[in-house]
């Protein structure tokens, strides 16, 4: 607290004490509680009226007391205003709240870079209610993002990554525009959290092996994906339209969902697909199965037995996915 603000509070306290003692001595027949009451209504100028007739001495005392208290109040308000402005107290309260919220983060995603790709990734995570932190050093990009958990800083610094709770994070998206910067982020992130799932943007194809060796699990080249997509629209337009309609942005549109077998309640584990009756109970279709060895089986048979460390890939609309989550208690 500012020393001047502390002095102003002490002055107001002393004036209150002086007023209470003065009225107690100058007004006959009142106790200290009445004297304190007279002091408060005089300081606040609410005009409730005196509780006892004023003596000439008390009137003179009140005149000087009001003049002195007005000066003290003016000084106190000035110091309080200056304290709020110079100390930026509201911003400190906001930052303290954000810091507390970040400390509670767990299994979240770090998005390093809030350019075009970073914004798209953030929007997808918002649609899936997945917690995330955005790290961006461009203040212009950060100033209008009040509803996002935003850290203004350089993702290549370990202090910034630690501020984003990287030790408790589940994944990281390196979406910086420069491959060298993404490489540095990947190296640092892998050192701070060896179990992190890292997805990196790639600009130059020649840098792909370097990002892979640095520790990136998945490497995405947006320009290549865009070119492939446009060419595919010419060659297999109906299939591409179908895949485009598997959008995560619409609540009732079809969704592909991945279900980890180990995340299911024990009563559903070590069963066959036919035993689970996912289609009958939820309306979802099992379109794929990835076994513990990482092999993908398209359109698995009903007799397939679920095993540990494997995953189901299901297709369904928003309502069906909600039923699936309720069935397996995945929410």
C-alpha atoms as a PDB file:
ATOM      1  CA  UNK A   1       0.000   0.000   0.000  1.00  0.00           C
ATOM      2  CA  UNK A   2       1.169   3.507  -0.822  1.00  0.00           C
ATOM      3  CA  UNK A   3       2.640   5.406   2.201  1.00  0.00           C
ATOM      4  CA  UNK A   4       0.591   8.476   1.241  1.00  0.00           C
ATOM      5  CA  UNK A   5      -2.621   6.444   1.141  1.00  0.00           C
ATOM      6  CA  UNK A   6      -1.746   4.942   4.526  1.00  0.00           C
ATOM      7  CA  UNK A   7      -1.168   8.448   5.905  1.00  0.00           C
ATOM      8  CA  UNK A   8      -4.557   9.576   4.566  1.00  0.00           C
ATOM      9  CA  UNK A   9      -6.291   6.645   6.322  1.00  0.00           C
ATOM     10  CA  UNK A  10      -4.480   7.456   9.572  1.00  0.00           C
ATOM     11  CA  UNK A  11      -5.489  11.131   9.313  1.00  0.00           C
ATOM     12  CA  UNK A  12      -9.157  10.175   8.859  1.00  0.00           C
ATOM     13  CA  UNK A  13      -8.902   7.838  11.850  1.00  0.00           C
ATOM     14  CA  UNK A  14      -7.361  10.592  14.007  1.00  0.00           C
ATOM     15  CA  UNK A  15     -10.029  13.087  12.957  1.00  0.00           C
ATOM     16  CA  UNK A  16     -12.728  10.581  13.925  1.00  0.00           C
ATOM     17  CA  UNK A  17     -11.100  10.100  17.334  1.00  0.00           C
ATOM     18  CA  UNK A  18     -10.771  13.863  17.853  1.00  0.00           C
ATOM     19  CA  UNK A  19     -14.425  14.409  16.878  1.00  0.00           C
ATOM     20  CA  UNK A  20     -15.676  11.696  19.230  1.00  0.00           C
ATOM     21  CA  UNK A  21     -13.652  13.029  22.175  1.00  0.00           C
ATOM     22  CA  UNK A  22     -14.628  16.638  21.378  1.00  0.00           C
ATOM     23  CA  UNK A  23     -18.373  15.933  21.322  1.00  0.00           C
ATOM     24  CA  UNK A  24     -18.088  13.775  24.410  1.00  0.00           C
ATOM     25  CA  UNK A  25     -16.532  16.688  26.332  1.00  0.00           C
ATOM     26  CA  UNK A  26     -18.581  19.555  24.865  1.00  0.00           C
ATOM     27  CA  UNK A  27     -22.070  18.035  24.835  1.00  0.00           C
ATOM     28  CA  UNK A  28     -23.405  17.370  28.341  1.00  0.00           C
ATOM     29  CA  UNK A  29     -25.328  14.217  29.069  1.00  0.00           C
ATOM     30  CA  UNK A  30     -24.137  12.027  26.154  1.00  0.00           C
ATOM     31  CA  UNK A  31     -22.112   8.846  26.288  1.00  0.00           C
ATOM     32  CA  UNK A  32     -19.200   7.912  24.003  1.00  0.00           C
ATOM     33  CA  UNK A  33     -21.464   5.992  21.590  1.00  0.00           C
ATOM     34  CA  UNK A  34     -23.566   9.150  21.050  1.00  0.00           C
ATOM     35  CA  UNK A  35     -20.378  11.157  20.587  1.00  0.00           C
ATOM     36  CA  UNK A  36     -19.177   8.689  17.931  1.00  0.00           C
ATOM     37  CA  UNK A  37     -22.595   8.886  16.230  1.00  0.00           C
ATOM     38  CA  UNK A  38     -22.380  12.700  16.137  1.00  0.00           C
ATOM     39  CA  UNK A  39     -18.906  12.403  14.606  1.00  0.00           C
ATOM     40  CA  UNK A  40     -20.071  10.026  11.864  1.00  0.00           C
ATOM     41  CA  UNK A  41     -23.114  12.081  10.812  1.00  0.00           C
ATOM     42  CA  UNK A  42     -20.964  15.241  10.815  1.00  0.00           C
ATOM     43  CA  UNK A  43     -18.223  13.627   8.704  1.00  0.00           C
ATOM     44  CA  UNK A  44     -20.698  12.083   6.271  1.00  0.00           C
ATOM     45  CA  UNK A  45     -22.926  15.210   6.123  1.00  0.00           C
ATOM     46  CA  UNK A  46     -26.066  13.040   5.987  1.00  0.00           C
ATOM     47  CA  UNK A  47     -27.987  15.605   8.043  1.00  0.00           C
ATOM     48  CA  UNK A  48     -29.898  13.330  10.446  1.00  0.00           C
ATOM     49  CA  UNK A  49     -29.875  16.097  13.077  1.00  0.00           C
ATOM     50  CA  UNK A  50     -28.293  16.456  16.502  1.00  0.00           C
ATOM     51  CA  UNK A  51     -29.231  14.022  19.249  1.00  0.00           C
ATOM     52  CA  UNK A  52     -28.974  16.794  21.873  1.00  0.00           C
ATOM     53  CA  UNK A  53     -29.073  20.626  21.759  1.00  0.00           C
ATOM     54  CA  UNK A  54     -25.720  22.086  20.690  1.00  0.00           C
ATOM     55  CA  UNK A  55     -23.823  24.337  23.082  1.00  0.00           C
ATOM     56  CA  UNK A  56     -22.020  27.418  21.667  1.00  0.00           C
ATOM     57  CA  UNK A  57     -18.695  25.680  22.202  1.00  0.00           C
ATOM     58  CA  UNK A  58     -19.928  22.574  20.379  1.00  0.00           C
ATOM     59  CA  UNK A  59     -21.099  24.698  17.420  1.00  0.00           C
ATOM     60  CA  UNK A  60     -17.688  26.367  17.109  1.00  0.00           C
ATOM     61  CA  UNK A  61     -16.026  22.954  17.388  1.00  0.00           C
ATOM     62  CA  UNK A  62     -18.347  21.549  14.685  1.00  0.00           C
ATOM     63  CA  UNK A  63     -17.471  24.386  12.267  1.00  0.00           C
ATOM     64  CA  UNK A  64     -13.737  23.744  12.551  1.00  0.00           C
ATOM     65  CA  UNK A  65     -14.301  19.983  12.607  1.00  0.00           C
ATOM     66  CA  UNK A  66     -16.264  20.043   9.305  1.00  0.00           C
ATOM     67  CA  UNK A  67     -13.649  22.261   7.609  1.00  0.00           C
ATOM     68  CA  UNK A  68     -10.832  20.002   8.769  1.00  0.00           C
ATOM     69  CA  UNK A  69     -12.653  16.800   7.824  1.00  0.00           C
ATOM     70  CA  UNK A  70     -13.452  18.098   4.314  1.00  0.00           C
ATOM     71  CA  UNK A  71      -9.751  18.795   3.722  1.00  0.00           C
ATOM     72  CA  UNK A  72      -8.852  15.342   5.073  1.00  0.00           C
ATOM     73  CA  UNK A  73     -11.505  13.625   2.937  1.00  0.00           C
ATOM     74  CA  UNK A  74     -10.324  15.478  -0.163  1.00  0.00           C
ATOM     75  CA  UNK A  75      -6.758  14.395   0.536  1.00  0.00           C
ATOM     76  CA  UNK A  76      -7.876  10.793   1.142  1.00  0.00           C
ATOM     77  CA  UNK A  77      -9.908  10.592  -2.081  1.00  0.00           C
ATOM     78  CA  UNK A  78      -6.986  12.064  -4.026  1.00  0.00           C
ATOM     79  CA  UNK A  79      -4.570   9.496  -2.656  1.00  0.00           C
ATOM     80  CA  UNK A  80      -7.042   6.639  -3.148  1.00  0.00           C
ATOM     81  CA  UNK A  81      -7.630   7.633  -6.784  1.00  0.00           C
ATOM     82  CA  UNK A  82      -3.909   7.968  -7.398  1.00  0.00           C
ATOM     83  CA  UNK A  83      -3.300   4.569  -5.793  1.00  0.00           C
ATOM     84  CA  UNK A  84      -5.904   2.854  -7.993  1.00  0.00           C
ATOM     85  CA  UNK A  85      -4.549   4.501 -11.157  1.00  0.00           C
ATOM     86  CA  UNK A  86      -0.800   4.210 -10.544  1.00  0.00           C
ATOM     87  CA  UNK A  87      -0.849   0.773  -8.934  1.00  0.00           C
ATOM     88  CA  UNK A  88      -3.353  -0.511 -11.552  1.00  0.00           C
ATOM     89  CA  UNK A  89      -5.116  -2.381  -8.775  1.00  0.00           C
ATOM     90  CA  UNK A  90      -7.958  -3.710 -10.972  1.00  0.00           C
ATOM     91  CA  UNK A  91      -5.456  -5.183 -13.405  1.00  0.00           C
ATOM     92  CA  UNK A  92      -3.641  -6.819 -10.481  1.00  0.00           C
ATOM     93  CA  UNK A  93      -6.901  -8.338  -9.257  1.00  0.00           C
ATOM     94  CA  UNK A  94      -7.593  -9.631 -12.772  1.00  0.00           C
ATOM     95  CA  UNK A  95      -4.089 -11.095 -13.103  1.00  0.00           C
ATOM     96  CA  UNK A  96      -4.395 -12.761  -9.700  1.00  0.00           C
ATOM     97  CA  UNK A  97      -7.674 -14.376 -10.785  1.00  0.00           C
ATOM     98  CA  UNK A  98      -6.117 -15.547 -14.075  1.00  0.00           C
ATOM     99  CA  UNK A  99      -3.082 -16.933 -12.231  1.00  0.00           C
ATOM    100  CA  UNK A 100      -5.328 -18.892  -9.887  1.00  0.00           C
ATOM    101  CA  UNK A 101      -7.307 -20.272 -12.823  1.00  0.00           C
ATOM    102  CA  UNK A 102      -4.119 -21.313 -14.641  1.00  0.00           C
ATOM    103  CA  UNK A 103      -2.836 -23.080 -11.538  1.00  0.00           C
ATOM    104  CA  UNK A 104      -5.933 -25.313 -11.652  1.00  0.00           C
ATOM    105  CA  UNK A 105      -5.370 -26.336 -15.281  1.00  0.00           C
ATOM    106  CA  UNK A 106      -4.713 -29.998 -15.969  1.00  0.00           C
ATOM    107  CA  UNK A 107      -4.592 -32.096 -19.169  1.00  0.00           C
ATOM    108  CA  UNK A 108      -4.931 -28.902 -21.196  1.00  0.00           C
ATOM    109  CA  UNK A 109      -3.393 -27.848 -24.517  1.00  0.00           C
ATOM    110  CA  UNK A 110      -0.827 -25.127 -25.167  1.00  0.00           C
ATOM    111  CA  UNK A 111      -1.272 -23.230 -28.429  1.00  0.00           C
ATOM    112  CA  UNK A 112       1.984 -21.458 -29.274  1.00  0.00           C
ATOM    113  CA  UNK A 113       1.188 -18.760 -31.810  1.00  0.00           C
ATOM    114  CA  UNK A 114      -2.174 -17.142 -32.493  1.00  0.00           C
ATOM    115  CA  UNK A 115      -1.958 -16.613 -36.227  1.00  0.00           C
ATOM    116  CA  UNK A 116      -4.369 -18.152 -38.715  1.00  0.00           C
ATOM    117  CA  UNK A 117      -3.599 -21.758 -37.720  1.00  0.00           C
ATOM    118  CA  UNK A 118      -3.536 -20.996 -34.005  1.00  0.00           C
ATOM    119  CA  UNK A 119      -6.947 -19.316 -34.170  1.00  0.00           C
ATOM    120  CA  UNK A 120      -8.457 -22.262 -36.017  1.00  0.00           C
ATOM    121  CA  UNK A 121      -7.050 -24.688 -33.465  1.00  0.00           C
ATOM    122  CA  UNK A 122      -8.417 -22.575 -30.613  1.00  0.00           C
ATOM    123  CA  UNK A 123     -11.876 -22.508 -32.176  1.00  0.00           C
ATOM    124  CA  UNK A 124     -11.946 -26.298 -32.519  1.00  0.00           C
ATOM    125  CA  UNK A 125     -10.910 -26.724 -28.883  1.00  0.00           C
ATOM    126  CA  UNK A 126     -13.605 -24.271 -27.798  1.00  0.00           C
ATOM    127  CA  UNK A 127     -16.222 -26.297 -29.684  1.00  0.00           C
ATOM    128  CA  UNK A 128     -15.084 -29.414 -27.812  1.00  0.00           C
ATOM    129  CA  UNK A 129     -14.904 -27.645 -24.426  1.00  0.00           C
ATOM    130  CA  UNK A 130     -11.249 -28.607 -24.164  1.00  0.00           C
ATOM    131  CA  UNK A 131      -9.158 -26.372 -21.864  1.00  0.00           C
ATOM    132  CA  UNK A 132      -6.247 -24.568 -23.488  1.00  0.00           C
ATOM    133  CA  UNK A 133      -3.794 -21.695 -23.088  1.00  0.00           C
ATOM    134  CA  UNK A 134      -2.702 -19.455 -25.954  1.00  0.00           C
ATOM    135  CA  UNK A 135       0.851 -18.075 -25.955  1.00  0.00           C
ATOM    136  CA  UNK A 136       1.422 -15.121 -28.290  1.00  0.00           C
ATOM    137  CA  UNK A 137       3.989 -12.319 -28.156  1.00  0.00           C
ATOM    138  CA  UNK A 138       2.125  -9.947 -30.494  1.00  0.00           C
ATOM    139  CA  UNK A 139       0.102  -7.626 -28.261  1.00  0.00           C
ATOM    140  CA  UNK A 140      -2.142  -6.621 -31.167  1.00  0.00           C
ATOM    141  CA  UNK A 141      -3.372 -10.197 -31.548  1.00  0.00           C
ATOM    142  CA  UNK A 142      -3.928 -10.565 -27.801  1.00  0.00           C
ATOM    143  CA  UNK A 143      -5.737  -7.329 -26.952  1.00  0.00           C
ATOM    144  CA  UNK A 144      -9.175  -8.321 -28.309  1.00  0.00           C
ATOM    145  CA  UNK A 145      -9.117 -11.882 -26.945  1.00  0.00           C
ATOM    146  CA  UNK A 146     -10.524 -11.182 -23.483  1.00  0.00           C
ATOM    147  CA  UNK A 147     -12.449 -14.454 -23.283  1.00  0.00           C
ATOM    148  CA  UNK A 148      -9.413 -16.650 -23.962  1.00  0.00           C
ATOM    149  CA  UNK A 149      -6.772 -17.772 -21.518  1.00  0.00           C
ATOM    150  CA  UNK A 150      -4.044 -15.676 -23.136  1.00  0.00           C
ATOM    151  CA  UNK A 151      -0.390 -15.320 -22.128  1.00  0.00           C
ATOM    152  CA  UNK A 152       1.459 -12.449 -23.746  1.00  0.00           C
ATOM    153  CA  UNK A 153       5.006 -13.698 -24.139  1.00  0.00           C
ATOM    154  CA  UNK A 154       7.566 -15.666 -26.119  1.00  0.00           C
ATOM    155  CA  UNK A 155       6.806 -19.409 -26.282  1.00  0.00           C
ATOM    156  CA  UNK A 156      10.536 -20.058 -26.762  1.00  0.00           C
ATOM    157  CA  UNK A 157      11.168 -19.131 -23.122  1.00  0.00           C
ATOM    158  CA  UNK A 158      10.851 -21.826 -20.469  1.00  0.00           C
ATOM    159  CA  UNK A 159       9.420 -19.312 -17.965  1.00  0.00           C
ATOM    160  CA  UNK A 160       6.488 -18.623 -20.297  1.00  0.00           C
ATOM    161  CA  UNK A 161       5.828 -22.329 -20.887  1.00  0.00           C
ATOM    162  CA  UNK A 162       5.951 -22.956 -17.146  1.00  0.00           C
ATOM    163  CA  UNK A 163       3.525 -20.079 -16.630  1.00  0.00           C
ATOM    164  CA  UNK A 164       1.169 -21.977 -18.949  1.00  0.00           C
ATOM    165  CA  UNK A 165       1.489 -25.044 -16.669  1.00  0.00           C
ATOM    166  CA  UNK A 166       3.272 -27.158 -19.271  1.00  0.00           C
ATOM    167  CA  UNK A 167       4.154 -29.765 -16.645  1.00  0.00           C
ATOM    168  CA  UNK A 168       0.451 -30.570 -16.263  1.00  0.00           C
ATOM    169  CA  UNK A 169      -0.447 -30.163 -19.949  1.00  0.00           C
ATOM    170  CA  UNK A 170      -1.561 -33.010 -22.192  1.00  0.00           C
ATOM    171  CA  UNK A 171      -0.622 -31.588 -25.582  1.00  0.00           C
ATOM    172  CA  UNK A 172       1.022 -28.678 -27.373  1.00  0.00           C
ATOM    173  CA  UNK A 173       0.412 -27.102 -30.775  1.00  0.00           C
ATOM    174  CA  UNK A 174       3.432 -25.278 -32.192  1.00  0.00           C
ATOM    175  CA  UNK A 175       1.771 -22.898 -34.663  1.00  0.00           C
ATOM    176  CA  UNK A 176       4.490 -20.280 -35.042  1.00  0.00           C
ATOM    177  CA  UNK A 177       5.081 -19.089 -38.635  1.00  0.00           C
ATOM    178  CA  UNK A 178       8.794 -19.958 -38.603  1.00  0.00           C
ATOM    179  CA  UNK A 179      10.088 -23.559 -38.603  1.00  0.00           C
ATOM    180  CA  UNK A 180      13.150 -22.606 -36.555  1.00  0.00           C
ATOM    181  CA  UNK A 181      10.944 -21.091 -33.839  1.00  0.00           C
ATOM    182  CA  UNK A 182       8.723 -24.169 -33.815  1.00  0.00           C
ATOM    183  CA  UNK A 183      11.814 -26.365 -33.564  1.00  0.00           C
ATOM    184  CA  UNK A 184      13.003 -24.431 -30.521  1.00  0.00           C
ATOM    185  CA  UNK A 185       9.574 -24.673 -28.883  1.00  0.00           C
ATOM    186  CA  UNK A 186       9.429 -28.432 -29.494  1.00  0.00           C
ATOM    187  CA  UNK A 187      12.885 -29.017 -27.991  1.00  0.00           C
ATOM    188  CA  UNK A 188      12.070 -26.964 -24.911  1.00  0.00           C
ATOM    189  CA  UNK A 189       8.586 -28.440 -24.463  1.00  0.00           C
ATOM    190  CA  UNK A 190       9.880 -32.010 -24.792  1.00  0.00           C
ATOM    191  CA  UNK A 191      12.506 -31.281 -22.131  1.00  0.00           C
ATOM    192  CA  UNK A 192       9.961 -29.777 -19.720  1.00  0.00           C
ATOM    193  CA  UNK A 193       7.324 -32.467 -20.283  1.00  0.00           C
ATOM    194  CA  UNK A 194       8.551 -35.724 -21.901  1.00  0.00           C
ATOM    195  CA  UNK A 195       5.008 -37.159 -22.091  1.00  0.00           C
ATOM    196  CA  UNK A 196       3.577 -34.220 -24.034  1.00  0.00           C
ATOM    197  CA  UNK A 197       1.766 -34.865 -27.320  1.00  0.00           C
ATOM    198  CA  UNK A 198       3.276 -32.285 -29.701  1.00  0.00           C
ATOM    199  CA  UNK A 199       1.760 -31.194 -33.009  1.00  0.00           C
ATOM    200  CA  UNK A 200       3.802 -28.771 -35.080  1.00  0.00           C
ATOM    201  CA  UNK A 201       3.186 -26.586 -38.087  1.00  0.00           C
ATOM    202  CA  UNK A 202       5.657 -26.992 -40.964  1.00  0.00           C
ATOM    203  CA  UNK A 203       6.515 -24.383 -43.602  1.00  0.00           C
ATOM    204  CA  UNK A 204       9.422 -25.978 -45.521  1.00  0.00           C
ATOM    205  CA  UNK A 205       9.264 -29.692 -46.301  1.00  0.00           C
ATOM    206  CA  UNK A 206      13.043 -29.994 -45.898  1.00  0.00           C
ATOM    207  CA  UNK A 207      12.661 -29.168 -42.176  1.00  0.00           C
ATOM    208  CA  UNK A 208      10.304 -32.066 -41.459  1.00  0.00           C
ATOM    209  CA  UNK A 209      13.042 -34.539 -40.303  1.00  0.00           C
ATOM    210  CA  UNK A 210      14.438 -31.913 -37.920  1.00  0.00           C
ATOM    211  CA  UNK A 211      11.075 -31.314 -36.278  1.00  0.00           C
ATOM    212  CA  UNK A 212      10.548 -35.054 -36.005  1.00  0.00           C
ATOM    213  CA  UNK A 213      13.928 -35.579 -34.344  1.00  0.00           C
ATOM    214  CA  UNK A 214      13.248 -32.687 -31.994  1.00  0.00           C
ATOM    215  CA  UNK A 215      10.245 -34.550 -30.620  1.00  0.00           C
ATOM    216  CA  UNK A 216       7.158 -33.613 -32.650  1.00  0.00           C
ATOM    217  CA  UNK A 217       4.584 -36.425 -32.700  1.00  0.00           C
ATOM    218  CA  UNK A 218       2.668 -35.024 -35.653  1.00  0.00           C
ATOM    219  CA  UNK A 219       3.771 -32.501 -38.270  1.00  0.00           C
ATOM    220  CA  UNK A 220       1.250 -30.577 -40.347  1.00  0.00           C
ATOM    221  CA  UNK A 221       2.000 -28.582 -43.494  1.00  0.00           C
ATOM    222  CA  UNK A 222      -1.060 -26.323 -44.035  1.00  0.00           C
ATOM    223  CA  UNK A 223      -0.143 -25.377 -47.613  1.00  0.00           C
ATOM    224  CA  UNK A 224       0.188 -29.037 -48.642  1.00  0.00           C
ATOM    225  CA  UNK A 225      -3.128 -29.941 -47.010  1.00  0.00           C
ATOM    226  CA  UNK A 226      -4.824 -27.051 -48.776  1.00  0.00           C
ATOM    227  CA  UNK A 227      -3.402 -28.072 -52.172  1.00  0.00           C
ATOM    228  CA  UNK A 228      -4.325 -31.720 -51.693  1.00  0.00           C
ATOM    229  CA  UNK A 229      -7.834 -30.707 -50.676  1.00  0.00           C
ATOM    230  CA  UNK A 230      -8.364 -28.561 -53.768  1.00  0.00           C
ATOM    231  CA  UNK A 231      -7.064 -31.303 -56.068  1.00  0.00           C
ATOM    232  CA  UNK A 232      -9.266 -33.886 -54.343  1.00  0.00           C
ATOM    233  CA  UNK A 233     -12.325 -31.721 -54.969  1.00  0.00           C
ATOM    234  CA  UNK A 234     -11.681 -32.247 -58.680  1.00  0.00           C
ATOM    235  CA  UNK A 235     -10.957 -35.959 -58.515  1.00  0.00           C
ATOM    236  CA  UNK A 236     -13.355 -37.256 -55.819  1.00  0.00           C
ATOM    237  CA  UNK A 237     -15.791 -34.384 -55.100  1.00  0.00           C
ATOM    238  CA  UNK A 238     -18.561 -36.431 -53.437  1.00  0.00           C
ATOM    239  CA  UNK A 239     -16.155 -38.059 -50.980  1.00  0.00           C
ATOM    240  CA  UNK A 240     -14.622 -34.701 -50.097  1.00  0.00           C
ATOM    241  CA  UNK A 241     -18.065 -33.201 -49.570  1.00  0.00           C
ATOM    242  CA  UNK A 242     -18.889 -36.074 -47.230  1.00  0.00           C
ATOM    243  CA  UNK A 243     -15.710 -35.508 -45.228  1.00  0.00           C
ATOM    244  CA  UNK A 244     -16.379 -31.759 -45.094  1.00  0.00           C
ATOM    245  CA  UNK A 245     -19.792 -32.449 -43.607  1.00  0.00           C
ATOM    246  CA  UNK A 246     -18.106 -34.334 -40.758  1.00  0.00           C
ATOM    247  CA  UNK A 247     -17.755 -30.918 -39.192  1.00  0.00           C
ATOM    248  CA  UNK A 248     -17.054 -30.258 -35.549  1.00  0.00           C
ATOM    249  CA  UNK A 249     -18.590 -26.808 -35.789  1.00  0.00           C
ATOM    250  CA  UNK A 250     -22.242 -27.874 -36.028  1.00  0.00           C
ATOM    251  CA  UNK A 251     -23.860 -29.531 -33.050  1.00  0.00           C
ATOM    252  CA  UNK A 252     -26.155 -31.856 -35.037  1.00  0.00           C
ATOM    253  CA  UNK A 253     -23.751 -32.649 -37.874  1.00  0.00           C
ATOM    254  CA  UNK A 254     -21.931 -36.014 -38.029  1.00  0.00           C
ATOM    255  CA  UNK A 255     -18.873 -36.325 -35.818  1.00  0.00           C
ATOM    256  CA  UNK A 256     -16.014 -38.766 -35.655  1.00  0.00           C
ATOM    257  CA  UNK A 257     -15.164 -39.561 -32.054  1.00  0.00           C
ATOM    258  CA  UNK A 258     -12.243 -41.537 -30.605  1.00  0.00           C
ATOM    259  CA  UNK A 259     -12.923 -43.660 -27.518  1.00  0.00           C
ATOM    260  CA  UNK A 260     -10.068 -45.114 -25.476  1.00  0.00           C
ATOM    261  CA  UNK A 261     -10.894 -48.574 -24.182  1.00  0.00           C
ATOM    262  CA  UNK A 262      -8.881 -47.972 -21.017  1.00  0.00           C
ATOM    263  CA  UNK A 263     -11.139 -44.975 -20.249  1.00  0.00           C
ATOM    264  CA  UNK A 264     -14.268 -47.155 -20.158  1.00  0.00           C
ATOM    265  CA  UNK A 265     -15.701 -48.558 -16.921  1.00  0.00           C
ATOM    266  CA  UNK A 266     -14.383 -52.041 -16.194  1.00  0.00           C
ATOM    267  CA  UNK A 267     -17.736 -53.687 -16.932  1.00  0.00           C
ATOM    268  CA  UNK A 268     -17.367 -52.658 -20.591  1.00  0.00           C
ATOM    269  CA  UNK A 269     -13.778 -53.860 -21.013  1.00  0.00           C
ATOM    270  CA  UNK A 270     -12.750 -57.224 -22.491  1.00  0.00           C
ATOM    271  CA  UNK A 271     -16.092 -57.470 -24.314  1.00  0.00           C
ATOM    272  CA  UNK A 272     -16.817 -57.894 -27.999  1.00  0.00           C
ATOM    273  CA  UNK A 273     -18.430 -55.157 -30.057  1.00  0.00           C
ATOM    274  CA  UNK A 274     -21.625 -57.163 -30.320  1.00  0.00           C
ATOM    275  CA  UNK A 275     -21.842 -57.360 -26.493  1.00  0.00           C
ATOM    276  CA  UNK A 276     -21.674 -53.573 -26.172  1.00  0.00           C
ATOM    277  CA  UNK A 277     -24.552 -52.939 -28.622  1.00  0.00           C
ATOM    278  CA  UNK A 278     -23.304 -49.426 -29.301  1.00  0.00           C
ATOM    279  CA  UNK A 279     -25.436 -49.028 -32.436  1.00  0.00           C
ATOM    280  CA  UNK A 280     -28.665 -50.102 -30.694  1.00  0.00           C
ATOM    281  CA  UNK A 281     -28.115 -48.052 -27.530  1.00  0.00           C
ATOM    282  CA  UNK A 282     -26.666 -44.813 -28.928  1.00  0.00           C
ATOM    283  CA  UNK A 283     -27.115 -44.679 -32.701  1.00  0.00           C
ATOM    284  CA  UNK A 284     -23.348 -44.414 -33.247  1.00  0.00           C
ATOM    285  CA  UNK A 285     -21.544 -46.578 -35.784  1.00  0.00           C
ATOM    286  CA  UNK A 286     -18.130 -48.093 -35.043  1.00  0.00           C
ATOM    287  CA  UNK A 287     -16.162 -47.346 -38.224  1.00  0.00           C
ATOM    288  CA  UNK A 288     -12.663 -48.125 -37.002  1.00  0.00           C
ATOM    289  CA  UNK A 289     -10.590 -49.855 -34.334  1.00  0.00           C
ATOM    290  CA  UNK A 290      -6.947 -49.215 -33.483  1.00  0.00           C
ATOM    291  CA  UNK A 291      -5.394 -52.070 -31.534  1.00  0.00           C
ATOM    292  CA  UNK A 292      -2.649 -51.905 -28.904  1.00  0.00           C
ATOM    293  CA  UNK A 293       0.020 -52.298 -31.599  1.00  0.00           C
ATOM    294  CA  UNK A 294      -1.275 -49.211 -33.407  1.00  0.00           C
ATOM    295  CA  UNK A 295      -2.791 -51.085 -36.344  1.00  0.00           C
ATOM    296  CA  UNK A 296      -6.007 -49.611 -37.754  1.00  0.00           C
ATOM    297  CA  UNK A 297      -8.913 -51.918 -38.626  1.00  0.00           C
ATOM    298  CA  UNK A 298     -11.592 -50.357 -40.809  1.00  0.00           C
ATOM    299  CA  UNK A 299     -15.202 -51.460 -40.193  1.00  0.00           C
ATOM    300  CA  UNK A 300     -14.304 -54.030 -37.484  1.00  0.00           C
ATOM    301  CA  UNK A 301     -16.319 -57.212 -37.098  1.00  0.00           C
ATOM    302  CA  UNK A 302     -18.912 -57.565 -34.349  1.00  0.00           C
ATOM    303  CA  UNK A 303     -16.891 -60.444 -32.868  1.00  0.00           C
ATOM    304  CA  UNK A 304     -13.852 -58.210 -32.303  1.00  0.00           C
ATOM    305  CA  UNK A 305     -12.816 -58.292 -28.636  1.00  0.00           C
ATOM    306  CA  UNK A 306     -11.767 -55.008 -27.055  1.00  0.00           C
ATOM    307  CA  UNK A 307      -8.307 -55.018 -25.525  1.00  0.00           C
ATOM    308  CA  UNK A 308      -6.334 -52.676 -23.288  1.00  0.00           C
ATOM    309  CA  UNK A 309      -4.546 -49.730 -24.934  1.00  0.00           C
ATOM    310  CA  UNK A 310      -6.832 -49.913 -27.960  1.00  0.00           C
ATOM    311  CA  UNK A 311      -9.292 -47.336 -29.285  1.00  0.00           C
ATOM    312  CA  UNK A 312     -12.657 -47.249 -31.012  1.00  0.00           C
ATOM    313  CA  UNK A 313     -13.454 -44.751 -33.757  1.00  0.00           C
ATOM    314  CA  UNK A 314     -17.189 -44.050 -33.910  1.00  0.00           C
ATOM    315  CA  UNK A 315     -19.373 -41.942 -36.191  1.00  0.00           C
ATOM    316  CA  UNK A 316     -22.553 -40.205 -35.075  1.00  0.00           C
ATOM    317  CA  UNK A 317     -24.381 -36.897 -34.809  1.00  0.00           C
ATOM    318  CA  UNK A 318     -24.328 -34.692 -31.724  1.00  0.00           C
ATOM    319  CA  UNK A 319     -27.237 -36.514 -30.062  1.00  0.00           C
ATOM    320  CA  UNK A 320     -25.714 -39.935 -30.667  1.00  0.00           C
ATOM    321  CA  UNK A 321     -22.312 -38.840 -29.370  1.00  0.00           C
ATOM    322  CA  UNK A 322     -23.976 -37.454 -26.241  1.00  0.00           C
ATOM    323  CA  UNK A 323     -25.678 -40.822 -25.661  1.00  0.00           C
ATOM    324  CA  UNK A 324     -22.352 -42.580 -26.187  1.00  0.00           C
ATOM    325  CA  UNK A 325     -20.650 -40.362 -23.590  1.00  0.00           C
ATOM    326  CA  UNK A 326     -23.510 -40.975 -21.153  1.00  0.00           C
ATOM    327  CA  UNK A 327     -23.392 -44.722 -21.731  1.00  0.00           C
ATOM    328  CA  UNK A 328     -19.678 -44.971 -21.019  1.00  0.00           C
ATOM    329  CA  UNK A 329     -19.606 -42.114 -18.459  1.00  0.00           C
ATOM    330  CA  UNK A 330     -17.082 -40.224 -20.582  1.00  0.00           C
ATOM    331  CA  UNK A 331     -18.260 -36.672 -19.739  1.00  0.00           C
END
